[in-house]
Amino acid sequence: MMDKDLKKILAAITKAGYTVVINRKGHAEVYTRDGEKVTTFSGTPSDKRSVLNALAPLKRRGFRWPPRR
C-alpha cells in the first residue's frame, strides 16, 4: 500500500513521459521511453530520505519535484 504523497510523485513522473511499473515486491520502477531503468521507489518508504534518494536520478534528467507553481 503506497502512501498518497508517493502516488502524487508517481503520477507526475508518468505525466512527464516516464513509465512506472509496480513490480511483484510492490516497488515502483521508473523507466524511460526507451526502456532504460532510471530509479526504483520503495513501495513503503521507511523514511523521507528514501524518496529523495530515488528522485535524485530523475532530477538529474530534468524532472522537477515539487512542481513549480
PDB file of N, CA and C in Angstrom:
ATOM      1  N   MET A   1       0.843  -1.192   0.000  1.00  0.00           N
ATOM      2  CA  MET A   1       0.000   0.000   0.000  1.00  0.00           C
ATOM      3  C   MET A   1       0.879   1.243   0.000  1.00  0.00           C
ATOM      4  N   MET A   2       0.780   2.020  -1.065  1.00  0.00           N
ATOM      5  CA  MET A   2       1.580   3.227  -1.171  1.00  0.00           C
ATOM      6  C   MET A   2       0.877   4.396  -0.502  1.00  0.00           C
ATOM      7  N   ASP A   3       1.669   5.302   0.058  1.00  0.00           N
ATOM      8  CA  ASP A   3       1.059   6.474   0.664  1.00  0.00           C
ATOM      9  C   ASP A   3       0.680   7.489  -0.415  1.00  0.00           C
ATOM     10  N   LYS A   4      -0.162   8.440  -0.051  1.00  0.00           N
ATOM     11  CA  LYS A   4      -0.714   9.360  -1.046  1.00  0.00           C
ATOM     12  C   LYS A   4       0.343  10.281  -1.636  1.00  0.00           C
ATOM     13  N   ASP A   5       1.379  10.645  -0.869  1.00  0.00           N
ATOM     14  CA  ASP A   5       2.432  11.505  -1.402  1.00  0.00           C
ATOM     15  C   ASP A   5       3.208  10.792  -2.502  1.00  0.00           C
ATOM     16  N   LEU A   6       3.524   9.530  -2.290  1.00  0.00           N
ATOM     17  CA  LEU A   6       4.246   8.766  -3.304  1.00  0.00           C
ATOM     18  C   LEU A   6       3.384   8.593  -4.558  1.00  0.00           C
ATOM     19  N   LYS A   7       2.087   8.405  -4.385  1.00  0.00           N
ATOM     20  CA  LYS A   7       1.187   8.294  -5.534  1.00  0.00           C
ATOM     21  C   LYS A   7       1.189   9.575  -6.360  1.00  0.00           C
ATOM     22  N   LYS A   8       1.244  10.743  -5.694  1.00  0.00           N
ATOM     23  CA  LYS A   8       1.301  12.025  -6.400  1.00  0.00           C
ATOM     24  C   LYS A   8       2.596  12.138  -7.198  1.00  0.00           C
ATOM     25  N   ILE A   9       3.704  11.731  -6.591  1.00  0.00           N
ATOM     26  CA  ILE A   9       5.004  11.778  -7.268  1.00  0.00           C
ATOM     27  C   ILE A   9       4.982  10.872  -8.493  1.00  0.00           C
ATOM     28  N   LEU A  10       4.483   9.653  -8.343  1.00  0.00           N
ATOM     29  CA  LEU A  10       4.452   8.707  -9.460  1.00  0.00           C
ATOM     30  C   LEU A  10       3.531   9.194 -10.576  1.00  0.00           C
ATOM     31  N   ALA A  11       2.432   9.859 -10.227  1.00  0.00           N
ATOM     32  CA  ALA A  11       1.538  10.415 -11.246  1.00  0.00           C
ATOM     33  C   ALA A  11       2.252  11.513 -12.036  1.00  0.00           C
ATOM     34  N   ALA A  12       3.031  12.352 -11.344  1.00  0.00           N
ATOM     35  CA  ALA A  12       3.773  13.420 -12.020  1.00  0.00           C
ATOM     36  C   ALA A  12       4.873  12.841 -12.906  1.00  0.00           C
ATOM     37  N   ILE A  13       5.504  11.767 -12.451  1.00  0.00           N
ATOM     38  CA  ILE A  13       6.547  11.108 -13.246  1.00  0.00           C
ATOM     39  C   ILE A  13       5.944  10.540 -14.531  1.00  0.00           C
ATOM     40  N   THR A  14       4.781   9.908 -14.413  1.00  0.00           N
ATOM     41  CA  THR A  14       4.102   9.361 -15.587  1.00  0.00           C
ATOM     42  C   THR A  14       3.708  10.477 -16.547  1.00  0.00           C
ATOM     43  N   LYS A  15       3.217  11.579 -16.008  1.00  0.00           N
ATOM     44  CA  LYS A  15       2.825  12.723 -16.833  1.00  0.00           C
ATOM     45  C   LYS A  15       4.031  13.318 -17.567  1.00  0.00           C
ATOM     46  N   ALA A  16       5.225  13.199 -16.965  1.00  0.00           N
ATOM     47  CA  ALA A  16       6.443  13.729 -17.573  1.00  0.00           C
ATOM     48  C   ALA A  16       6.974  12.832 -18.690  1.00  0.00           C
ATOM     49  N   GLY A  17       6.320  11.685 -18.918  1.00  0.00           N
ATOM     50  CA  GLY A  17       6.705  10.837 -20.043  1.00  0.00           C
ATOM     51  C   GLY A  17       7.467   9.577 -19.677  1.00  0.00           C
ATOM     52  N   TYR A  18       7.622   9.318 -18.399  1.00  0.00           N
ATOM     53  CA  TYR A  18       8.289   8.091 -17.964  1.00  0.00           C
ATOM     54  C   TYR A  18       7.253   6.991 -17.781  1.00  0.00           C
ATOM     55  N   THR A  19       7.713   5.759 -17.745  1.00  0.00           N
ATOM     56  CA  THR A  19       6.846   4.615 -17.489  1.00  0.00           C
ATOM     57  C   THR A  19       7.094   4.132 -16.071  1.00  0.00           C
ATOM     58  N   VAL A  20       6.033   3.946 -15.306  1.00  0.00           N
ATOM     59  CA  VAL A  20       6.139   3.452 -13.934  1.00  0.00           C
ATOM     60  C   VAL A  20       5.527   2.067 -13.887  1.00  0.00           C
ATOM     61  N   VAL A  21       6.308   1.098 -13.397  1.00  0.00           N
ATOM     62  CA  VAL A  21       5.848  -0.286 -13.278  1.00  0.00           C
ATOM     63  C   VAL A  21       5.970  -0.697 -11.817  1.00  0.00           C
ATOM     64  N   ILE A  22       4.893  -1.236 -11.266  1.00  0.00           N
ATOM     65  CA  ILE A  22       4.928  -1.764  -9.901  1.00  0.00           C
ATOM     66  C   ILE A  22       5.335  -3.231 -10.003  1.00  0.00           C
ATOM     67  N   ASN A  23       6.484  -3.575  -9.420  1.00  0.00           N
ATOM     68  CA  ASN A  23       6.957  -4.958  -9.521  1.00  0.00           C
ATOM     69  C   ASN A  23       6.257  -5.840  -8.497  1.00  0.00           C
ATOM     70  N   ARG A  24       6.570  -7.123  -8.516  1.00  0.00           N
ATOM     71  CA  ARG A  24       5.853  -8.065  -7.650  1.00  0.00           C
ATOM     72  C   ARG A  24       6.128  -7.869  -6.165  1.00  0.00           C
ATOM     73  N   LYS A  25       7.204  -7.136  -5.841  1.00  0.00           N
ATOM     74  CA  LYS A  25       7.509  -6.832  -4.437  1.00  0.00           C
ATOM     75  C   LYS A  25       6.849  -5.544  -3.970  1.00  0.00           C
ATOM     76  N   GLY A  26       6.146  -4.854  -4.877  1.00  0.00           N
ATOM     77  CA  GLY A  26       5.461  -3.630  -4.507  1.00  0.00           C
ATOM     78  C   GLY A  26       6.275  -2.371  -4.707  1.00  0.00           C
ATOM     79  N   HIS A  27       7.461  -2.493  -5.305  1.00  0.00           N
ATOM     80  CA  HIS A  27       8.295  -1.331  -5.566  1.00  0.00           C
ATOM     81  C   HIS A  27       7.923  -0.720  -6.922  1.00  0.00           C
ATOM     82  N   ALA A  28       8.023   0.600  -7.012  1.00  0.00           N
ATOM     83  CA  ALA A  28       7.724   1.297  -8.262  1.00  0.00           C
ATOM     84  C   ALA A  28       9.028   1.524  -9.021  1.00  0.00           C
ATOM     85  N   GLU A  29       9.141   0.913 -10.196  1.00  0.00           N
ATOM     86  CA  GLU A  29      10.328   1.073 -11.030  1.00  0.00           C
ATOM     87  C   GLU A  29      10.006   2.075 -12.126  1.00  0.00           C
ATOM     88  N   VAL A  30      10.931   3.003 -12.365  1.00  0.00           N
ATOM     89  CA  VAL A  30      10.725   4.065 -13.352  1.00  0.00           C
ATOM     90  C   VAL A  30      11.642   3.822 -14.542  1.00  0.00           C
ATOM     91  N   TYR A  31      11.046   3.832 -15.748  1.00  0.00           N
ATOM     92  CA  TYR A  31      11.778   3.585 -16.985  1.00  0.00           C
ATOM     93  C   TYR A  31      11.589   4.745 -17.952  1.00  0.00           C
ATOM     94  N   THR A  32      12.570   4.942 -18.841  1.00  0.00           N
ATOM     95  CA  THR A  32      12.444   5.925 -19.915  1.00  0.00           C
ATOM     96  C   THR A  32      11.590   5.320 -21.023  1.00  0.00           C
ATOM     97  N   ARG A  33      11.318   6.111 -22.048  1.00  0.00           N
ATOM     98  CA  ARG A  33      10.549   5.589 -23.194  1.00  0.00           C
ATOM     99  C   ARG A  33      11.309   4.480 -23.902  1.00  0.00           C
ATOM    100  N   ASP A  34      12.643   4.518 -23.818  1.00  0.00           N
ATOM    101  CA  ASP A  34      13.476   3.512 -24.476  1.00  0.00           C
ATOM    102  C   ASP A  34      13.609   2.233 -23.656  1.00  0.00           C
ATOM    103  N   GLY A  35      13.019   2.197 -22.469  1.00  0.00           N
ATOM    104  CA  GLY A  35      13.090   1.010 -21.641  1.00  0.00           C
ATOM    105  C   GLY A  35      14.271   0.987 -20.683  1.00  0.00           C
ATOM    106  N   GLU A  36      15.001   2.100 -20.570  1.00  0.00           N
ATOM    107  CA  GLU A  36      16.137   2.175 -19.649  1.00  0.00           C
ATOM    108  C   GLU A  36      15.627   2.455 -18.236  1.00  0.00           C
ATOM    109  N   LYS A  37      16.067   1.649 -17.277  1.00  0.00           N
ATOM    110  CA  LYS A  37      15.638   1.834 -15.895  1.00  0.00           C
ATOM    111  C   LYS A  37      16.342   3.046 -15.307  1.00  0.00           C
ATOM    112  N   VAL A  38      15.560   3.943 -14.705  1.00  0.00           N
ATOM    113  CA  VAL A  38      16.110   5.171 -14.142  1.00  0.00           C
ATOM    114  C   VAL A  38      16.282   5.040 -12.634  1.00  0.00           C
ATOM    115  N   THR A  39      15.237   4.608 -11.948  1.00  0.00           N
ATOM    116  CA  THR A  39      15.279   4.521 -10.489  1.00  0.00           C
ATOM    117  C   THR A  39      14.178   3.606  -9.979  1.00  0.00           C
ATOM    118  N   THR A  40      14.226   3.306  -8.690  1.00  0.00           N
ATOM    119  CA  THR A  40      13.209   2.479  -8.041  1.00  0.00           C
ATOM    120  C   THR A  40      12.770   3.148  -6.744  1.00  0.00           C
ATOM    121  N   PHE A  41      11.460   3.258  -6.550  1.00  0.00           N
ATOM    122  CA  PHE A  41      10.910   3.771  -5.303  1.00  0.00           C
ATOM    123  C   PHE A  41      10.431   2.591  -4.476  1.00  0.00           C
ATOM    124  N   SER A  42      10.705   2.629  -3.186  1.00  0.00           N
ATOM    125  CA  SER A  42      10.220   1.593  -2.289  1.00  0.00           C
ATOM    126  C   SER A  42       8.708   1.688  -2.187  1.00  0.00           C
ATOM    127  N   GLY A  43       8.046   0.545  -2.123  1.00  0.00           N
ATOM    128  CA  GLY A  43       6.592   0.532  -2.012  1.00  0.00           C
ATOM    129  C   GLY A  43       6.117   1.139  -0.709  1.00  0.00           C
ATOM    130  N   THR A  44       6.882   0.937   0.348  1.00  0.00           N
ATOM    131  CA  THR A  44       6.575   1.521   1.649  1.00  0.00           C
ATOM    132  C   THR A  44       7.843   2.198   2.159  1.00  0.00           C
ATOM    133  N   PRO A  45       8.094   3.433   1.746  1.00  0.00           N
ATOM    134  CA  PRO A  45       9.334   4.104   2.145  1.00  0.00           C
ATOM    135  C   PRO A  45       9.429   4.234   3.660  1.00  0.00           C
ATOM    136  N   SER A  46      10.594   3.886   4.194  1.00  0.00           N
ATOM    137  CA  SER A  46      10.771   3.890   5.635  1.00  0.00           C
ATOM    138  C   SER A  46      11.097   5.274   6.172  1.00  0.00           C
ATOM    139  N   ASP A  47      11.634   6.133   5.327  1.00  0.00           N
ATOM    140  CA  ASP A  47      11.930   7.494   5.756  1.00  0.00           C
ATOM    141  C   ASP A  47      11.892   8.435   4.560  1.00  0.00           C
ATOM    142  N   LYS A  48      11.905   9.723   4.831  1.00  0.00           N
ATOM    143  CA  LYS A  48      11.802  10.726   3.770  1.00  0.00           C
ATOM    144  C   LYS A  48      13.005  10.679   2.836  1.00  0.00           C
ATOM    145  N   ARG A  49      14.174  10.328   3.352  1.00  0.00           N
ATOM    146  CA  ARG A  49      15.389  10.292   2.534  1.00  0.00           C
ATOM    147  C   ARG A  49      15.272   9.276   1.413  1.00  0.00           C
ATOM    148  N   SER A  50      14.585   8.171   1.651  1.00  0.00           N
ATOM    149  CA  SER A  50      14.493   7.147   0.609  1.00  0.00           C
ATOM    150  C   SER A  50      13.782   7.685  -0.621  1.00  0.00           C
ATOM    151  N   VAL A  51      12.756   8.504  -0.423  1.00  0.00           N
ATOM    152  CA  VAL A  51      12.044   9.108  -1.555  1.00  0.00           C
ATOM    153  C   VAL A  51      12.952  10.120  -2.249  1.00  0.00           C
ATOM    154  N   LEU A  52      13.650  10.935  -1.469  1.00  0.00           N
ATOM    155  CA  LEU A  52      14.550  11.934  -2.054  1.00  0.00           C
ATOM    156  C   LEU A  52      15.692  11.276  -2.818  1.00  0.00           C
ATOM    157  N   ASN A  53      16.214  10.185  -2.284  1.00  0.00           N
ATOM    158  CA  ASN A  53      17.291   9.468  -2.975  1.00  0.00           C
ATOM    159  C   ASN A  53      16.801   8.862  -4.286  1.00  0.00           C
ATOM    160  N   ALA A  54      15.572   8.368  -4.311  1.00  0.00           N
ATOM    161  CA  ALA A  54      15.022   7.799  -5.540  1.00  0.00           C
ATOM    162  C   ALA A  54      14.709   8.888  -6.561  1.00  0.00           C
ATOM    163  N   LEU A  55      14.395  10.094  -6.099  1.00  0.00           N
ATOM    164  CA  LEU A  55      14.110  11.209  -7.002  1.00  0.00           C
ATOM    165  C   LEU A  55      15.376  11.780  -7.646  1.00  0.00           C
ATOM    166  N   ALA A  56      16.526  11.597  -7.020  1.00  0.00           N
ATOM    167  CA  ALA A  56      17.772  12.221  -7.490  1.00  0.00           C
ATOM    168  C   ALA A  56      18.104  11.919  -8.955  1.00  0.00           C
ATOM    169  N   PRO A  57      18.061  10.650  -9.411  1.00  0.00           N
ATOM    170  CA  PRO A  57      18.366  10.398 -10.829  1.00  0.00           C
ATOM    171  C   PRO A  57      17.384  11.077 -11.777  1.00  0.00           C
ATOM    172  N   LEU A  58      16.128  11.198 -11.367  1.00  0.00           N
ATOM    173  CA  LEU A  58      15.137  11.877 -12.201  1.00  0.00           C
ATOM    174  C   LEU A  58      15.422  13.370 -12.273  1.00  0.00           C
ATOM    175  N   LYS A  59      15.830  13.950 -11.146  1.00  0.00           N
ATOM    176  CA  LYS A  59      16.157  15.376 -11.136  1.00  0.00           C
ATOM    177  C   LYS A  59      17.366  15.657 -12.018  1.00  0.00           C
ATOM    178  N   ARG A  60      18.317  14.742 -12.045  1.00  0.00           N
ATOM    179  CA  ARG A  60      19.483  14.919 -12.916  1.00  0.00           C
ATOM    180  C   ARG A  60      19.080  14.896 -14.384  1.00  0.00           C
ATOM    181  N   ARG A  61      17.953  14.263 -14.693  1.00  0.00           N
ATOM    182  CA  ARG A  61      17.433  14.208 -16.069  1.00  0.00           C
ATOM    183  C   ARG A  61      16.490  15.366 -16.374  1.00  0.00           C
ATOM    184  N   GLY A  62      16.268  16.252 -15.403  1.00  0.00           N
ATOM    185  CA  GLY A  62      15.445  17.433 -15.648  1.00  0.00           C
ATOM    186  C   GLY A  62      14.058  17.413 -15.033  1.00  0.00           C
ATOM    187  N   PHE A  63      13.688  16.329 -14.360  1.00  0.00           N
ATOM    188  CA  PHE A  63      12.379  16.249 -13.710  1.00  0.00           C
ATOM    189  C   PHE A  63      12.363  17.187 -12.503  1.00  0.00           C
ATOM    190  N   ARG A  64      11.277  17.944 -12.339  1.00  0.00           N
ATOM    191  CA  ARG A  64      11.153  18.885 -11.223  1.00  0.00           C
ATOM    192  C   ARG A  64      10.172  18.369 -10.185  1.00  0.00           C
ATOM    193  N   TRP A  65      10.624  18.240  -8.944  1.00  0.00           N
ATOM    194  CA  TRP A  65       9.717  17.929  -7.835  1.00  0.00           C
ATOM    195  C   TRP A  65      10.164  18.671  -6.615  1.00  0.00           C
ATOM    196  N   PRO A  66       9.322  19.384  -5.931  1.00  0.00           N
ATOM    197  CA  PRO A  66       7.915  19.589  -6.260  1.00  0.00           C
ATOM    198  C   PRO A  66       7.761  20.494  -7.477  1.00  0.00           C
ATOM    199  N   PRO A  67       6.643  20.357  -8.185  1.00  0.00           N
ATOM    200  CA  PRO A  67       6.460  21.167  -9.393  1.00  0.00           C
ATOM    201  C   PRO A  67       6.374  22.657  -9.038  1.00  0.00           C
ATOM    202  N   ARG A  68       6.868  23.464  -9.948  1.00  0.00           N
ATOM    203  CA  ARG A  68       6.802  24.911  -9.720  1.00  0.00           C
ATOM    204  C   ARG A  68       5.401  25.403 -10.021  1.00  0.00           C
ATOM    205  N   ARG A  69       4.965  26.384  -9.277  1.00  0.00           N
ATOM    206  CA  ARG A  69       3.610  26.932  -9.470  1.00  0.00           C
ATOM    207  C   ARG A  69       3.647  28.217 -10.225  1.00  0.00           C
TER     208      ARG A  69
END
